[in-house]
C-alpha atoms as a PDB file:
ATOM      1  CA  MET A   1     -15.521  -2.985  -0.331  1.00  0.00           C
ATOM      2  CA  SER A   2     -15.848  -6.384   1.327  1.00  0.00           C
ATOM      3  CA  GLN A   3     -18.869  -6.923  -1.359  1.00  0.00           C
ATOM      4  CA  THR A   4     -16.789  -7.211  -4.199  1.00  0.00           C
ATOM      5  CA  LEU A   5     -13.234  -7.885  -3.106  1.00  0.00           C
ATOM      6  CA  THR A   6     -12.051 -10.637  -5.189  1.00  0.00           C
ATOM      7  CA  LEU A   7      -8.551 -12.353  -4.553  1.00  0.00           C
ATOM      8  CA  ASP A   8      -6.502 -15.629  -6.042  1.00  0.00           C
ATOM      9  CA  PRO A   9      -4.654 -16.961  -3.557  1.00  0.00           C
ATOM     10  CA  ALA A  10      -2.354 -18.343  -6.183  1.00  0.00           C
ATOM     11  CA  THR A  11      -1.821 -14.996  -7.161  1.00  0.00           C
ATOM     12  CA  THR A  12      -1.405 -12.942  -4.263  1.00  0.00           C
ATOM     13  CA  ALA A  13       1.548 -11.794  -2.024  1.00  0.00           C
ATOM     14  CA  LEU A  14       0.871  -9.800   0.968  1.00  0.00           C
ATOM     15  CA  VAL A  15       3.976  -7.877   1.993  1.00  0.00           C
ATOM     16  CA  LEU A  16       4.918  -7.188   5.363  1.00  0.00           C
ATOM     17  CA  ILE A  17       7.186  -4.040   5.687  1.00  0.00           C
ATOM     18  CA  GLU A  18       9.055  -3.386   8.681  1.00  0.00           C
ATOM     19  CA  PHE A  19       7.121  -5.132  11.703  1.00  0.00           C
ATOM     20  CA  GLN A  20      10.452  -5.055  13.249  1.00  0.00           C
ATOM     21  CA  ASN A  21      10.783  -4.360  17.218  1.00  0.00           C
ATOM     22  CA  GLU A  22      11.991  -0.789  15.754  1.00  0.00           C
ATOM     23  CA  PHE A  23       8.091   0.174  15.276  1.00  0.00           C
ATOM     24  CA  THR A  24       6.200  -2.760  17.278  1.00  0.00           C
ATOM     25  CA  SER A  25       7.248  -3.251  20.120  1.00  0.00           C
ATOM     26  CA  ASP A  26       8.109  -1.067  23.825  1.00  0.00           C
ATOM     27  CA  GLY A  27      11.955  -0.253  23.934  1.00  0.00           C
ATOM     28  CA  GLY A  28      12.066   0.103  19.932  1.00  0.00           C
ATOM     29  CA  VAL A  29      13.711   3.620  19.225  1.00  0.00           C
ATOM     30  CA  LEU A  30      10.623   4.506  16.522  1.00  0.00           C
ATOM     31  CA  HIS A  31       8.004   3.051  18.444  1.00  0.00           C
ATOM     32  CA  ASP A  32       6.852   5.621  20.793  1.00  0.00           C
ATOM     33  CA  ALA A  33       6.409   7.763  17.178  1.00  0.00           C
ATOM     34  CA  VAL A  34       3.919   5.350  15.704  1.00  0.00           C
ATOM     35  CA  SER A  35       2.070   4.025  19.317  1.00  0.00           C
ATOM     36  CA  GLU A  36      -0.845   5.841  19.218  1.00  0.00           C
ATOM     37  CA  VAL A  37      -1.795   5.142  16.043  1.00  0.00           C
ATOM     38  CA  MET A  38      -0.609   1.447  16.276  1.00  0.00           C
ATOM     39  CA  GLU A  39      -3.299   1.276  19.047  1.00  0.00           C
ATOM     40  CA  LYS A  40      -5.920   3.389  17.463  1.00  0.00           C
ATOM     41  CA  ASN A  41      -6.190   0.697  14.322  1.00  0.00           C
ATOM     42  CA  GLY A  42      -5.621  -2.554  16.331  1.00  0.00           C
ATOM     43  CA  VAL A  43      -2.171  -2.356  13.834  1.00  0.00           C
ATOM     44  CA  LEU A  44      -0.436  -5.919  15.674  1.00  0.00           C
ATOM     45  CA  ALA A  45      -3.694  -7.168  16.058  1.00  0.00           C
ATOM     46  CA  ASN A  46      -5.097  -7.239  12.921  1.00  0.00           C
ATOM     47  CA  THR A  47      -2.062  -8.249  11.047  1.00  0.00           C
ATOM     48  CA  VAL A  48      -1.282 -11.079  12.736  1.00  0.00           C
ATOM     49  CA  ALA A  49      -4.926 -12.207  12.637  1.00  0.00           C
ATOM     50  CA  LEU A  50      -4.839 -11.653   8.730  1.00  0.00           C
ATOM     51  CA  VAL A  51      -1.246 -13.127   7.964  1.00  0.00           C
ATOM     52  CA  ASP A  52      -2.606 -16.404   9.751  1.00  0.00           C
ATOM     53  CA  LYS A  53      -5.740 -16.587   7.541  1.00  0.00           C
ATOM     54  CA  ALA A  54      -3.681 -15.617   4.248  1.00  0.00           C
ATOM     55  CA  ARG A  55      -0.912 -18.368   5.206  1.00  0.00           C
ATOM     56  CA  ALA A  56      -3.638 -20.805   5.532  1.00  0.00           C
ATOM     57  CA  ALA A  57      -5.983 -19.696   2.372  1.00  0.00           C
ATOM     58  CA  GLY A  58      -2.067 -20.285  -0.289  1.00  0.00           C
ATOM     59  CA  VAL A  59      -1.089 -16.561  -0.248  1.00  0.00           C
ATOM     60  CA  THR A  60       2.356 -16.189  -0.194  1.00  0.00           C
ATOM     61  CA  ILE A  61       3.708 -13.820   2.581  1.00  0.00           C
ATOM     62  CA  MET A  62       6.757 -12.254   2.494  1.00  0.00           C
ATOM     63  CA  HIS A  63       8.420 -10.438   5.293  1.00  0.00           C
ATOM     64  CA  ALA A  64      10.960  -7.062   3.899  1.00  0.00           C
ATOM     65  CA  PRO A  65      12.898  -5.490   6.921  1.00  0.00           C
ATOM     66  CA  ILE A  66      15.309  -2.955   6.233  1.00  0.00           C
ATOM     67  CA  THR A  67      18.518  -3.258   8.149  1.00  0.00           C
ATOM     68  CA  PHE A  68      22.147  -1.915   7.927  1.00  0.00           C
ATOM     69  CA  ALA A  69      26.039  -2.477   9.085  1.00  0.00           C
ATOM     70  CA  PRO A  70      26.716  -1.018  12.165  1.00  0.00           C
ATOM     71  CA  GLY A  71      28.152   2.569  11.121  1.00  0.00           C
ATOM     72  CA  TYR A  72      25.367   2.779   8.127  1.00  0.00           C
ATOM     73  CA  GLY A  73      28.003   2.584   5.531  1.00  0.00           C
ATOM     74  CA  GLU A  74      25.424   1.825   2.946  1.00  0.00           C
ATOM     75  CA  LEU A  75      24.111   5.429   3.487  1.00  0.00           C
ATOM     76  CA  THR A  76      25.193   8.501   2.065  1.00  0.00           C
ATOM     77  CA  ARG A  77      28.164  10.303   4.504  1.00  0.00           C
ATOM     78  CA  HIS A  78      25.332  12.916   4.951  1.00  0.00           C
ATOM     79  CA  PRO A  79      22.038  11.166   5.411  1.00  0.00           C
ATOM     80  CA  TYR A  80      18.843  13.563   5.328  1.00  0.00           C
ATOM     81  CA  GLY A  81      14.941  13.171   6.019  1.00  0.00           C
ATOM     82  CA  ILE A  82      13.998  10.174   7.586  1.00  0.00           C
ATOM     83  CA  LEU A  83      17.222   8.163   6.884  1.00  0.00           C
ATOM     84  CA  LYS A  84      18.879  10.481   9.487  1.00  0.00           C
ATOM     85  CA  GLY A  85      16.426   9.899  12.184  1.00  0.00           C
ATOM     86  CA  VAL A  86      17.488   6.660  11.574  1.00  0.00           C
ATOM     87  CA  VAL A  87      20.986   6.983  11.877  1.00  0.00           C
ATOM     88  CA  ASP A  88      20.686   9.497  14.725  1.00  0.00           C
ATOM     89  CA  GLY A  89      18.706   6.961  16.693  1.00  0.00           C
ATOM     90  CA  ASN A  90      21.768   4.121  15.601  1.00  0.00           C
ATOM     91  CA  ALA A  91      18.037   1.600  14.778  1.00  0.00           C
ATOM     92  CA  PHE A  92      17.614  -1.008  12.738  1.00  0.00           C
ATOM     93  CA  VAL A  93      21.127  -2.225  13.129  1.00  0.00           C
ATOM     94  CA  LYS A  94      21.621  -5.784  11.463  1.00  0.00           C
ATOM     95  CA  GLY A  95      22.202  -8.420  14.067  1.00  0.00           C
ATOM     96  CA  SER A  96      20.529  -6.272  17.180  1.00  0.00           C
ATOM     97  CA  TRP A  97      16.740  -6.986  19.009  1.00  0.00           C
ATOM     98  CA  GLY A  98      15.308  -3.425  17.240  1.00  0.00           C
ATOM     99  CA  ALA A  99      16.107  -4.897  13.784  1.00  0.00           C
ATOM    100  CA  ALA A 100      14.615  -8.363  14.162  1.00  0.00           C
ATOM    101  CA  ILE A 101      11.084  -8.818  13.003  1.00  0.00           C
ATOM    102  CA  VAL A 102       8.294  -8.843  16.035  1.00  0.00           C
ATOM    103  CA  ASP A 103       7.841 -12.460  17.384  1.00  0.00           C
ATOM    104  CA  ASP A 104       4.352 -12.286  16.941  1.00  0.00           C
ATOM    105  CA  LEU A 105       5.143 -12.409  13.327  1.00  0.00           C
ATOM    106  CA  SER A 106       8.058 -14.258  12.984  1.00  0.00           C
ATOM    107  CA  PRO A 107       8.333 -15.895   9.541  1.00  0.00           C
ATOM    108  CA  ALA A 108       6.868 -19.379   9.033  1.00  0.00           C
ATOM    109  CA  ASP A 109       8.310 -22.356   6.742  1.00  0.00           C
ATOM    110  CA  GLY A 110       6.946 -20.813   3.071  1.00  0.00           C
ATOM    111  CA  ASP A 111       7.620 -17.608   3.906  1.00  0.00           C
ATOM    112  CA  ILE A 112       9.831 -15.406   1.782  1.00  0.00           C
ATOM    113  CA  LEU A 113      12.034 -12.924   3.716  1.00  0.00           C
ATOM    114  CA  ILE A 114      13.278  -9.909   1.323  1.00  0.00           C
ATOM    115  CA  GLU A 115      16.720  -9.269   1.487  1.00  0.00           C
ATOM    116  CA  GLY A 116      18.758  -5.797   1.001  1.00  0.00           C
ATOM    117  CA  LYS A 117      16.343  -3.524   2.010  1.00  0.00           C
ATOM    118  CA  ARG A 118      18.415  -0.180   2.711  1.00  0.00           C
ATOM    119  CA  GLY A 119      15.622   2.608   2.031  1.00  0.00           C
ATOM    120  CA  LEU A 120      11.929   3.516   2.031  1.00  0.00           C
ATOM    121  CA  ASP A 121      11.212   1.780  -1.226  1.00  0.00           C
ATOM    122  CA  THR A 122      10.819  -1.611  -0.898  1.00  0.00           C
ATOM    123  CA  PHE A 123      11.498  -2.405  -4.867  1.00  0.00           C
ATOM    124  CA  ALA A 124      14.449  -0.300  -5.040  1.00  0.00           C
ATOM    125  CA  SER A 125      17.161  -2.273  -3.546  1.00  0.00           C
ATOM    126  CA  THR A 126      15.752  -5.953  -3.220  1.00  0.00           C
ATOM    127  CA  ASN A 127      14.761  -8.843  -5.773  1.00  0.00           C
ATOM    128  CA  LEU A 128      11.309  -8.663  -4.841  1.00  0.00           C
ATOM    129  CA  ASP A 129      10.367  -7.745  -8.139  1.00  0.00           C
ATOM    130  CA  PHE A 130      12.027 -10.993  -9.479  1.00  0.00           C
ATOM    131  CA  ILE A 131      10.191 -12.957  -6.621  1.00  0.00           C
ATOM    132  CA  LEU A 132       6.540 -11.969  -7.566  1.00  0.00           C
ATOM    133  CA  ARG A 133       7.036 -12.615 -11.469  1.00  0.00           C
ATOM    134  CA  SER A 134       8.895 -15.474 -11.027  1.00  0.00           C
ATOM    135  CA  LYS A 135       5.967 -16.550  -9.120  1.00  0.00           C
ATOM    136  CA  GLY A 136       3.639 -15.438 -10.875  1.00  0.00           C
ATOM    137  CA  ILE A 137       2.068 -12.771  -8.535  1.00  0.00           C
ATOM    138  CA  THR A 138       0.115 -10.164 -10.135  1.00  0.00           C
ATOM    139  CA  THR A 139      -1.739  -8.687  -6.855  1.00  0.00           C
ATOM    140  CA  ILE A 140       0.179  -7.718  -3.930  1.00  0.00           C
ATOM    141  CA  ILE A 141      -1.234  -6.508  -0.451  1.00  0.00           C
ATOM    142  CA  LEU A 142       0.859  -4.132   1.554  1.00  0.00           C
ATOM    143  CA  ALA A 143       1.215  -3.206   5.510  1.00  0.00           C
ATOM    144  CA  GLY A 144       3.365  -1.557   7.459  1.00  0.00           C
ATOM    145  CA  PHE A 145       5.909   1.254   8.395  1.00  0.00           C
ATOM    146  CA  LEU A 146       5.193   3.970   7.979  1.00  0.00           C
ATOM    147  CA  THR A 147       1.977   4.586   5.993  1.00  0.00           C
ATOM    148  CA  ASN A 148       2.817   8.002   4.053  1.00  0.00           C
ATOM    149  CA  CYS A 149       6.565   6.622   3.666  1.00  0.00           C
ATOM    150  CA  CYS A 150       7.953   2.935   2.836  1.00  0.00           C
ATOM    151  CA  VAL A 151       4.663   1.528   2.256  1.00  0.00           C
ATOM    152  CA  GLU A 152       3.561   4.699   0.976  1.00  0.00           C
ATOM    153  CA  SER A 153       6.583   4.287  -1.645  1.00  0.00           C
ATOM    154  CA  THR A 154       6.294   0.953  -2.199  1.00  0.00           C
ATOM    155  CA  MET A 155       2.794   0.862  -3.228  1.00  0.00           C
ATOM    156  CA  ARG A 156       4.084   3.867  -5.920  1.00  0.00           C
ATOM    157  CA  SER A 157       6.438   1.274  -7.199  1.00  0.00           C
ATOM    158  CA  GLY A 158       4.179  -1.436  -7.621  1.00  0.00           C
ATOM    159  CA  TYR A 159       1.303   0.601  -8.857  1.00  0.00           C
ATOM    160  CA  GLU A 160       4.193   1.845 -11.385  1.00  0.00           C
ATOM    161  CA  ASN A 161       4.840  -1.685 -12.394  1.00  0.00           C
ATOM    162  CA  GLY A 162       1.521  -2.750 -13.187  1.00  0.00           C
ATOM    163  CA  TYR A 163       0.803  -4.750 -10.250  1.00  0.00           C
ATOM    164  CA  ARG A 164      -3.012  -4.725  -8.326  1.00  0.00           C
ATOM    165  CA  VAL A 165      -1.915  -2.919  -5.163  1.00  0.00           C
ATOM    166  CA  LEU A 166      -4.105  -3.417  -1.756  1.00  0.00           C
ATOM    167  CA  THR A 167      -3.174  -1.307   0.870  1.00  0.00           C
ATOM    168  CA  LEU A 168      -4.314  -2.404   4.649  1.00  0.00           C
ATOM    169  CA  THR A 169      -6.057   0.858   6.306  1.00  0.00           C
ATOM    170  CA  ASP A 170      -5.594  -0.678   9.632  1.00  0.00           C
ATOM    171  CA  CYS A 171      -2.362  -2.525   9.468  1.00  0.00           C
ATOM    172  CA  THR A 172      -0.549   0.305   9.088  1.00  0.00           C
ATOM    173  CA  ALA A 173       0.586   3.129  11.194  1.00  0.00           C
ATOM    174  CA  ALA A 174       2.506   6.227  10.510  1.00  0.00           C
ATOM    175  CA  THR A 175       3.968   8.817  13.517  1.00  0.00           C
ATOM    176  CA  SER A 176       0.853  10.480  13.964  1.00  0.00           C
ATOM    177  CA  VAL A 177      -3.223  10.069  13.298  1.00  0.00           C
ATOM    178  CA  ALA A 178      -2.980  13.147  11.548  1.00  0.00           C
ATOM    179  CA  GLU A 179      -0.291  12.066   8.795  1.00  0.00           C
ATOM    180  CA  HIS A 180      -1.908   8.204   8.954  1.00  0.00           C
ATOM    181  CA  ASP A 181      -5.482   9.375   7.928  1.00  0.00           C
ATOM    182  CA  ASN A 182      -4.032  12.129   5.338  1.00  0.00           C
ATOM    183  CA  ALA A 183      -2.106   9.232   3.417  1.00  0.00           C
ATOM    184  CA  ILE A 184      -5.167   7.053   3.398  1.00  0.00           C
ATOM    185  CA  SER A 185      -7.460   9.829   2.458  1.00  0.00           C
ATOM    186  CA  PHE A 186      -5.921  11.371  -0.126  1.00  0.00           C
ATOM    187  CA  ASP A 187      -2.713   9.535  -1.677  1.00  0.00           C
ATOM    188  CA  TYR A 188      -3.195   5.786  -1.467  1.00  0.00           C
ATOM    189  CA  PRO A 189      -6.406   5.991  -3.570  1.00  0.00           C
ATOM    190  CA  MET A 190      -4.642   7.486  -6.154  1.00  0.00           C
ATOM    191  CA  PHE A 191      -2.434   4.543  -6.491  1.00  0.00           C
ATOM    192  CA  SER A 192      -3.921   1.492  -5.055  1.00  0.00           C
ATOM    193  CA  GLU A 193      -6.917  -0.019  -3.899  1.00  0.00           C
ATOM    194  CA  PRO A 194      -7.404   1.294   0.333  1.00  0.00           C
ATOM    195  CA  VAL A 195      -8.675  -1.512   2.266  1.00  0.00           C
ATOM    196  CA  GLU A 196      -9.190  -2.939   5.970  1.00  0.00           C
ATOM    197  CA  SER A 197      -7.799  -5.997   6.674  1.00  0.00           C
ATOM    198  CA  SER A 198     -11.754  -7.578   7.478  1.00  0.00           C
ATOM    199  CA  ALA A 199     -12.282  -6.996   3.681  1.00  0.00           C
ATOM    200  CA  VAL A 200      -9.598  -9.220   2.570  1.00  0.00           C
ATOM    201  CA  ILE A 201      -9.943 -11.818   4.874  1.00  0.00           C
ATOM    202  CA  GLY A 202     -13.958 -11.895   3.825  1.00  0.00           C
ATOM    203  CA  ALA A 203     -12.036 -12.482   0.264  1.00  0.00           C
ATOM    204  CA  LEU A 204     -10.240 -14.915   1.522  1.00  0.00           C
END
């Protein structure tokens, strides 16, 4: 893939999904759940290196954190599944340390902050699609958490919406190596081009 991958920075966006302290940092509510995959794949270091290269090349950098008001009034009164875990853990509360984007990936001048993410699919409750189309973006590169949840949900919508979707196999993490590897092996190739960050850096 690294030999054939071509990218036009002017029509490419790197979408960073939930690189927030709850996932990325010691003390985060969900950090212990993803730390094994993060460490195995070098997720944070790989992502930082890619962002620096992509930003310098003129790729649009987008940050897509998930946040909720205290009390989680945006959600159903009886959350279930992954969002129940968020509520039970009191995670991603707006204004909290846990909801903040990790310092290593703090938005820089010219980056775009996608606001309003309240669920799994970044397209569903935000103006991501509007911004991408307004800027003439045709290729989206996805990184973040969780491999088989928010990243996968966003990947599927991006595919359905007609974007060229690249998913970064070493800049994503799930709650187990098995879940991460399963998503990368069986789901990602159906709706995206799975690539390592080094291939993207090489193409830029």
